[in-house]
Amino acid sequence: MAQPGADGRAPICFGPSGKSMD
């Protein structure tokens, strides 16, 4: 399961850095 990135946005696609990549 994908975890919420540092941005804290909706769980779409999280990169290796854990940031949300829309």
N, C-alpha and C. Protein backbone atom coordinates (compact mmCIF):
# COMPACT_ATOMS: atom_id res chain seq x y z
N MET A 1 0.84 -1.21 0.00
CA MET A 1 0.00 0.00 0.00
C MET A 1 0.87 1.25 0.00
N ALA A 2 0.49 2.19 -0.82
CA ALA A 2 1.28 3.43 -0.92
C ALA A 2 0.99 4.33 0.28
N GLN A 3 2.03 4.93 0.79
CA GLN A 3 1.87 5.82 1.94
C GLN A 3 1.81 7.27 1.49
N PRO A 4 1.14 8.12 2.26
CA PRO A 4 1.04 9.54 1.93
C PRO A 4 2.41 10.21 1.89
N GLY A 5 2.71 10.89 0.80
CA GLY A 5 4.02 11.53 0.65
C GLY A 5 4.17 12.72 1.59
N ALA A 6 5.32 13.36 1.51
CA ALA A 6 5.58 14.50 2.39
C ALA A 6 4.59 15.62 2.09
N ASP A 7 4.10 15.63 0.85
CA ASP A 7 3.15 16.67 0.46
C ASP A 7 1.83 16.47 1.18
N GLY A 8 1.51 15.21 1.45
CA GLY A 8 0.27 14.90 2.18
C GLY A 8 -0.94 14.97 1.27
N ARG A 9 -0.71 14.86 -0.04
CA ARG A 9 -1.83 14.93 -0.97
C ARG A 9 -2.47 13.55 -1.12
N ALA A 10 -3.43 13.47 -2.02
CA ALA A 10 -4.15 12.21 -2.24
C ALA A 10 -3.17 11.14 -2.72
N PRO A 11 -3.35 9.90 -2.27
CA PRO A 11 -2.48 8.78 -2.65
C PRO A 11 -2.64 8.42 -4.12
N ILE A 12 -1.80 8.98 -4.99
CA ILE A 12 -1.88 8.67 -6.42
C ILE A 12 -0.64 7.87 -6.82
N CYS A 13 0.48 8.56 -6.89
CA CYS A 13 1.73 7.88 -7.25
C CYS A 13 2.85 8.49 -6.43
N PHE A 14 3.51 7.68 -5.63
CA PHE A 14 4.58 8.20 -4.79
C PHE A 14 5.94 7.73 -5.31
N GLY A 15 6.84 8.66 -5.52
CA GLY A 15 8.18 8.35 -6.01
C GLY A 15 9.05 7.80 -4.89
N PRO A 16 10.30 7.54 -5.20
CA PRO A 16 11.26 6.97 -4.24
C PRO A 16 11.49 7.91 -3.06
N SER A 17 11.31 9.20 -3.31
CA SER A 17 11.53 10.19 -2.25
C SER A 17 10.33 10.26 -1.32
N GLY A 18 9.23 9.61 -1.70
CA GLY A 18 8.04 9.64 -0.87
C GLY A 18 7.19 10.86 -1.16
N LYS A 19 7.44 11.50 -2.31
CA LYS A 19 6.66 12.68 -2.66
C LYS A 19 5.58 12.30 -3.66
N SER A 20 4.47 12.99 -3.61
CA SER A 20 3.36 12.68 -4.51
C SER A 20 3.67 13.18 -5.92
N MET A 21 3.68 12.27 -6.87
CA MET A 21 3.96 12.67 -8.24
C MET A 21 2.69 12.53 -9.07
N ASP A 22 2.04 13.66 -9.36
CA ASP A 22 0.79 13.62 -10.13
C ASP A 22 1.11 13.52 -11.61
